[in-house]
Amino acid sequence: MGRANERKQREQAALSPIPSDGIDVEFSRELADHEDLEAQARAKAADERARKRSGE
């Protein structure tokens, strides 16, 4: 059981890290459709609400 745990830890360590800022650098406004733009607006509104709540 110990060997399996060590191997699993090595495999997980080899994975590339996910950016913590959450920004998708591959997003292109030129290629975005209406649904993408709506999702961006909803995300921006949610970020503003979260910022207001954390500031209170």
PDB file of N, CA and C in Angstrom:
ATOM      1  N   MET A   1       0.817  -1.187   0.000  1.00  0.00           N
ATOM      2  CA  MET A   1       0.000   0.000   0.000  1.00  0.00           C
ATOM      3  C   MET A   1       0.866   1.259   0.000  1.00  0.00           C
ATOM      4  N   GLY A   2       2.020   1.201   0.618  1.00  0.00           N
ATOM      5  CA  GLY A   2       2.917   2.348   0.660  1.00  0.00           C
ATOM      6  C   GLY A   2       3.442   2.730  -0.705  1.00  0.00           C
ATOM      7  N   ARG A   3       3.784   1.723  -1.517  1.00  0.00           N
ATOM      8  CA  ARG A   3       4.308   2.010  -2.850  1.00  0.00           C
ATOM      9  C   ARG A   3       3.265   2.687  -3.723  1.00  0.00           C
ATOM     10  N   ALA A   4       2.040   2.233  -3.624  1.00  0.00           N
ATOM     11  CA  ALA A   4       0.973   2.824  -4.438  1.00  0.00           C
ATOM     12  C   ALA A   4       0.776   4.290  -4.071  1.00  0.00           C
ATOM     13  N   ASN A   5       0.844   4.591  -2.791  1.00  0.00           N
ATOM     14  CA  ASN A   5       0.673   5.978  -2.362  1.00  0.00           C
ATOM     15  C   ASN A   5       1.813   6.853  -2.863  1.00  0.00           C
ATOM     16  N   GLU A   6       3.045   6.338  -2.819  1.00  0.00           N
ATOM     17  CA  GLU A   6       4.190   7.101  -3.301  1.00  0.00           C
ATOM     18  C   GLU A   6       4.074   7.369  -4.795  1.00  0.00           C
ATOM     19  N   ARG A   7       3.667   6.358  -5.560  1.00  0.00           N
ATOM     20  CA  ARG A   7       3.522   6.524  -7.003  1.00  0.00           C
ATOM     21  C   ARG A   7       2.443   7.554  -7.315  1.00  0.00           C
ATOM     22  N   LYS A   8       1.344   7.488  -6.589  1.00  0.00           N
ATOM     23  CA  LYS A   8       0.252   8.429  -6.814  1.00  0.00           C
ATOM     24  C   LYS A   8       0.707   9.858  -6.528  1.00  0.00           C
ATOM     25  N   GLN A   9       1.479  10.038  -5.479  1.00  0.00           N
ATOM     26  CA  GLN A   9       1.977  11.373  -5.147  1.00  0.00           C
ATOM     27  C   GLN A   9       2.903  11.891  -6.239  1.00  0.00           C
ATOM     28  N   ARG A  10       3.757  11.021  -6.779  1.00  0.00           N
ATOM     29  CA  ARG A  10       4.660  11.435  -7.862  1.00  0.00           C
ATOM     30  C   ARG A  10       3.864  11.824  -9.100  1.00  0.00           C
ATOM     31  N   GLU A  11       2.837  11.046  -9.419  1.00  0.00           N
ATOM     32  CA  GLU A  11       2.027  11.338 -10.600  1.00  0.00           C
ATOM     33  C   GLU A  11       1.301  12.665 -10.443  1.00  0.00           C
ATOM     34  N   GLN A  12       0.771  12.915  -9.264  1.00  0.00           N
ATOM     35  CA  GLN A  12       0.065  14.167  -9.037  1.00  0.00           C
ATOM     36  C   GLN A  12       1.024  15.345  -9.068  1.00  0.00           C
ATOM     37  N   ALA A  13       2.232  15.167  -8.572  1.00  0.00           N
ATOM     38  CA  ALA A  13       3.215  16.240  -8.576  1.00  0.00           C
ATOM     39  C   ALA A  13       3.654  16.570  -9.997  1.00  0.00           C
ATOM     40  N   ALA A  14       3.590  15.610 -10.911  1.00  0.00           N
ATOM     41  CA  ALA A  14       4.023  15.828 -12.279  1.00  0.00           C
ATOM     42  C   ALA A  14       3.003  16.626 -13.088  1.00  0.00           C
ATOM     43  N   LEU A  15       1.781  16.725 -12.618  1.00  0.00           N
ATOM     44  CA  LEU A  15       0.760  17.472 -13.348  1.00  0.00           C
ATOM     45  C   LEU A  15       1.081  18.955 -13.330  1.00  0.00           C
ATOM     46  N   SER A  16       0.784  19.631 -14.420  1.00  0.00           N
ATOM     47  CA  SER A  16       1.046  21.062 -14.463  1.00  0.00           C
ATOM     48  C   SER A  16       0.059  21.785 -13.553  1.00  0.00           C
ATOM     49  N   PRO A  17       0.515  22.807 -12.865  1.00  0.00           N
ATOM     50  CA  PRO A  17      -0.367  23.522 -11.942  1.00  0.00           C
ATOM     51  C   PRO A  17      -1.409  24.352 -12.686  1.00  0.00           C
ATOM     52  N   ILE A  18      -2.543  24.515 -12.070  1.00  0.00           N
ATOM     53  CA  ILE A  18      -3.619  25.331 -12.627  1.00  0.00           C
ATOM     54  C   ILE A  18      -3.399  26.765 -12.160  1.00  0.00           C
ATOM     55  N   PRO A  19      -3.483  27.736 -13.055  1.00  0.00           N
ATOM     56  CA  PRO A  19      -3.289  29.121 -12.624  1.00  0.00           C
ATOM     57  C   PRO A  19      -4.305  29.507 -11.558  1.00  0.00           C
ATOM     58  N   SER A  20      -3.848  30.152 -10.516  1.00  0.00           N
ATOM     59  CA  SER A  20      -4.731  30.494  -9.409  1.00  0.00           C
ATOM     60  C   SER A  20      -5.584  31.729  -9.693  1.00  0.00           C
ATOM     61  N   ASP A  21      -5.211  32.516 -10.704  1.00  0.00           N
ATOM     62  CA  ASP A  21      -5.966  33.734 -10.980  1.00  0.00           C
ATOM     63  C   ASP A  21      -7.270  33.459 -11.715  1.00  0.00           C
ATOM     64  N   GLY A  22      -7.430  32.281 -12.294  1.00  0.00           N
ATOM     65  CA  GLY A  22      -8.669  31.906 -12.950  1.00  0.00           C
ATOM     66  C   GLY A  22      -8.901  32.578 -14.292  1.00  0.00           C
ATOM     67  N   ILE A  23      -7.917  33.251 -14.823  1.00  0.00           N
ATOM     68  CA  ILE A  23      -8.069  33.948 -16.097  1.00  0.00           C
ATOM     69  C   ILE A  23      -7.748  32.988 -17.234  1.00  0.00           C
ATOM     70  N   ASP A  24      -8.656  32.889 -18.184  1.00  0.00           N
ATOM     71  CA  ASP A  24      -8.453  32.036 -19.346  1.00  0.00           C
ATOM     72  C   ASP A  24      -7.809  32.883 -20.432  1.00  0.00           C
ATOM     73  N   VAL A  25      -6.540  32.697 -20.666  1.00  0.00           N
ATOM     74  CA  VAL A  25      -5.820  33.525 -21.624  1.00  0.00           C
ATOM     75  C   VAL A  25      -6.171  33.188 -23.068  1.00  0.00           C
ATOM     76  N   GLU A  26      -6.879  32.094 -23.290  1.00  0.00           N
ATOM     77  CA  GLU A  26      -7.241  31.705 -24.644  1.00  0.00           C
ATOM     78  C   GLU A  26      -8.555  32.331 -25.104  1.00  0.00           C
ATOM     79  N   PHE A  27      -9.222  33.101 -24.257  1.00  0.00           N
ATOM     80  CA  PHE A  27     -10.489  33.715 -24.632  1.00  0.00           C
ATOM     81  C   PHE A  27     -10.238  34.804 -25.667  1.00  0.00           C
ATOM     82  N   SER A  28     -10.998  34.798 -26.709  1.00  0.00           N
ATOM     83  CA  SER A  28     -10.884  35.799 -27.757  1.00  0.00           C
ATOM     84  C   SER A  28     -12.249  36.434 -27.979  1.00  0.00           C
ATOM     85  N   ARG A  29     -12.338  37.733 -27.783  1.00  0.00           N
ATOM     86  CA  ARG A  29     -13.605  38.434 -27.968  1.00  0.00           C
ATOM     87  C   ARG A  29     -14.061  38.359 -29.427  1.00  0.00           C
ATOM     88  N   GLU A  30     -13.114  38.308 -30.357  1.00  0.00           N
ATOM     89  CA  GLU A  30     -13.473  38.215 -31.775  1.00  0.00           C
ATOM     90  C   GLU A  30     -14.163  36.893 -32.097  1.00  0.00           C
ATOM     91  N   LEU A  31     -13.789  35.837 -31.383  1.00  0.00           N
ATOM     92  CA  LEU A  31     -14.368  34.521 -31.645  1.00  0.00           C
ATOM     93  C   LEU A  31     -15.545  34.200 -30.736  1.00  0.00           C
ATOM     94  N   ALA A  32     -15.845  35.075 -29.788  1.00  0.00           N
ATOM     95  CA  ALA A  32     -16.908  34.812 -28.817  1.00  0.00           C
ATOM     96  C   ALA A  32     -18.277  34.981 -29.467  1.00  0.00           C
ATOM     97  N   ASP A  33     -19.198  34.099 -29.082  1.00  0.00           N
ATOM     98  CA  ASP A  33     -20.569  34.254 -29.543  1.00  0.00           C
ATOM     99  C   ASP A  33     -21.386  34.948 -28.446  1.00  0.00           C
ATOM    100  N   HIS A  34     -22.663  35.091 -28.679  1.00  0.00           N
ATOM    101  CA  HIS A  34     -23.542  35.809 -27.749  1.00  0.00           C
ATOM    102  C   HIS A  34     -23.545  35.155 -26.368  1.00  0.00           C
ATOM    103  N   GLU A  35     -23.572  33.833 -26.327  1.00  0.00           N
ATOM    104  CA  GLU A  35     -23.587  33.129 -25.040  1.00  0.00           C
ATOM    105  C   GLU A  35     -22.293  33.358 -24.260  1.00  0.00           C
ATOM    106  N   ASP A  36     -21.164  33.410 -24.967  1.00  0.00           N
ATOM    107  CA  ASP A  36     -19.883  33.682 -24.305  1.00  0.00           C
ATOM    108  C   ASP A  36     -19.884  35.071 -23.673  1.00  0.00           C
ATOM    109  N   LEU A  37     -20.408  36.040 -24.408  1.00  0.00           N
ATOM    110  CA  LEU A  37     -20.441  37.408 -23.895  1.00  0.00           C
ATOM    111  C   LEU A  37     -21.379  37.523 -22.694  1.00  0.00           C
ATOM    112  N   GLU A  38     -22.507  36.807 -22.734  1.00  0.00           N
ATOM    113  CA  GLU A  38     -23.415  36.801 -21.584  1.00  0.00           C
ATOM    114  C   GLU A  38     -22.739  36.172 -20.369  1.00  0.00           C
ATOM    115  N   ALA A  39     -22.010  35.099 -20.586  1.00  0.00           N
ATOM    116  CA  ALA A  39     -21.309  34.435 -19.486  1.00  0.00           C
ATOM    117  C   ALA A  39     -20.248  35.356 -18.894  1.00  0.00           C
ATOM    118  N   GLN A  40     -19.562  36.105 -19.736  1.00  0.00           N
ATOM    119  CA  GLN A  40     -18.567  37.059 -19.243  1.00  0.00           C
ATOM    120  C   GLN A  40     -19.233  38.138 -18.393  1.00  0.00           C
ATOM    121  N   ALA A  41     -20.389  38.629 -18.826  1.00  0.00           N
ATOM    122  CA  ALA A  41     -21.105  39.655 -18.068  1.00  0.00           C
ATOM    123  C   ALA A  41     -21.582  39.105 -16.726  1.00  0.00           C
ATOM    124  N   ARG A  42     -22.092  37.869 -16.716  1.00  0.00           N
ATOM    125  CA  ARG A  42     -22.522  37.255 -15.450  1.00  0.00           C
ATOM    126  C   ARG A  42     -21.344  37.064 -14.506  1.00  0.00           C
ATOM    127  N   ALA A  43     -20.217  36.646 -15.036  1.00  0.00           N
ATOM    128  CA  ALA A  43     -19.027  36.442 -14.202  1.00  0.00           C
ATOM    129  C   ALA A  43     -18.550  37.767 -13.616  1.00  0.00           C
ATOM    130  N   LYS A  44     -18.587  38.819 -14.415  1.00  0.00           N
ATOM    131  CA  LYS A  44     -18.165  40.134 -13.926  1.00  0.00           C
ATOM    132  C   LYS A  44     -19.101  40.615 -12.825  1.00  0.00           C
ATOM    133  N   ALA A  45     -20.405  40.430 -13.010  1.00  0.00           N
ATOM    134  CA  ALA A  45     -21.374  40.834 -11.987  1.00  0.00           C
ATOM    135  C   ALA A  45     -21.176  40.031 -10.707  1.00  0.00           C
ATOM    136  N   ALA A  46     -20.895  38.746 -10.835  1.00  0.00           N
ATOM    137  CA  ALA A  46     -20.658  37.907  -9.654  1.00  0.00           C
ATOM    138  C   ALA A  46     -19.391  38.346  -8.928  1.00  0.00           C
ATOM    139  N   ASP A  47     -18.359  38.693  -9.673  1.00  0.00           N
ATOM    140  CA  ASP A  47     -17.123  39.182  -9.051  1.00  0.00           C
ATOM    141  C   ASP A  47     -17.371  40.471  -8.274  1.00  0.00           C
ATOM    142  N   GLU A  48     -18.173  41.367  -8.844  1.00  0.00           N
ATOM    143  CA  GLU A  48     -18.481  42.626  -8.159  1.00  0.00           C
ATOM    144  C   GLU A  48     -19.276  42.373  -6.884  1.00  0.00           C
ATOM    145  N   ARG A  49     -20.252  41.450  -6.936  1.00  0.00           N
ATOM    146  CA  ARG A  49     -21.015  41.119  -5.727  1.00  0.00           C
ATOM    147  C   ARG A  49     -20.114  40.528  -4.653  1.00  0.00           C
ATOM    148  N   ALA A  50     -19.217  39.656  -5.058  1.00  0.00           N
ATOM    149  CA  ALA A  50     -18.299  39.033  -4.095  1.00  0.00           C
ATOM    150  C   ALA A  50     -17.365  40.079  -3.496  1.00  0.00           C
ATOM    151  N   ARG A  51     -16.918  41.016  -4.295  1.00  0.00           N
ATOM    152  CA  ARG A  51     -16.029  42.069  -3.811  1.00  0.00           C
ATOM    153  C   ARG A  51     -16.752  42.953  -2.798  1.00  0.00           C
ATOM    154  N   LYS A  52     -18.027  43.255  -3.069  1.00  0.00           N
ATOM    155  CA  LYS A  52     -18.806  44.073  -2.134  1.00  0.00           C
ATOM    156  C   LYS A  52     -19.011  43.341  -0.815  1.00  0.00           C
ATOM    157  N   ARG A  53     -19.294  42.042  -0.886  1.00  0.00           N
ATOM    158  CA  ARG A  53     -19.520  41.256   0.335  1.00  0.00           C
ATOM    159  C   ARG A  53     -18.253  41.144   1.166  1.00  0.00           C
ATOM    160  N   SER A  54     -17.121  40.978   0.526  1.00  0.00           N
ATOM    161  CA  SER A  54     -15.873  40.831   1.280  1.00  0.00           C
ATOM    162  C   SER A  54     -15.429  42.168   1.868  1.00  0.00           C
ATOM    163  N   GLY A  55     -15.872  43.267   1.280  1.00  0.00           N
ATOM    164  CA  GLY A  55     -15.515  44.592   1.779  1.00  0.00           C
ATOM    165  C   GLY A  55     -16.373  45.054   2.932  1.00  0.00           C
ATOM    166  N   GLU A  56     -17.506  44.394   3.169  1.00  0.00           N
ATOM    167  CA  GLU A  56     -18.413  44.815   4.242  1.00  0.00           C
ATOM    168  C   GLU A  56     -17.924  44.397   5.590  1.00  0.00           C
TER     169      GLU A  56
END
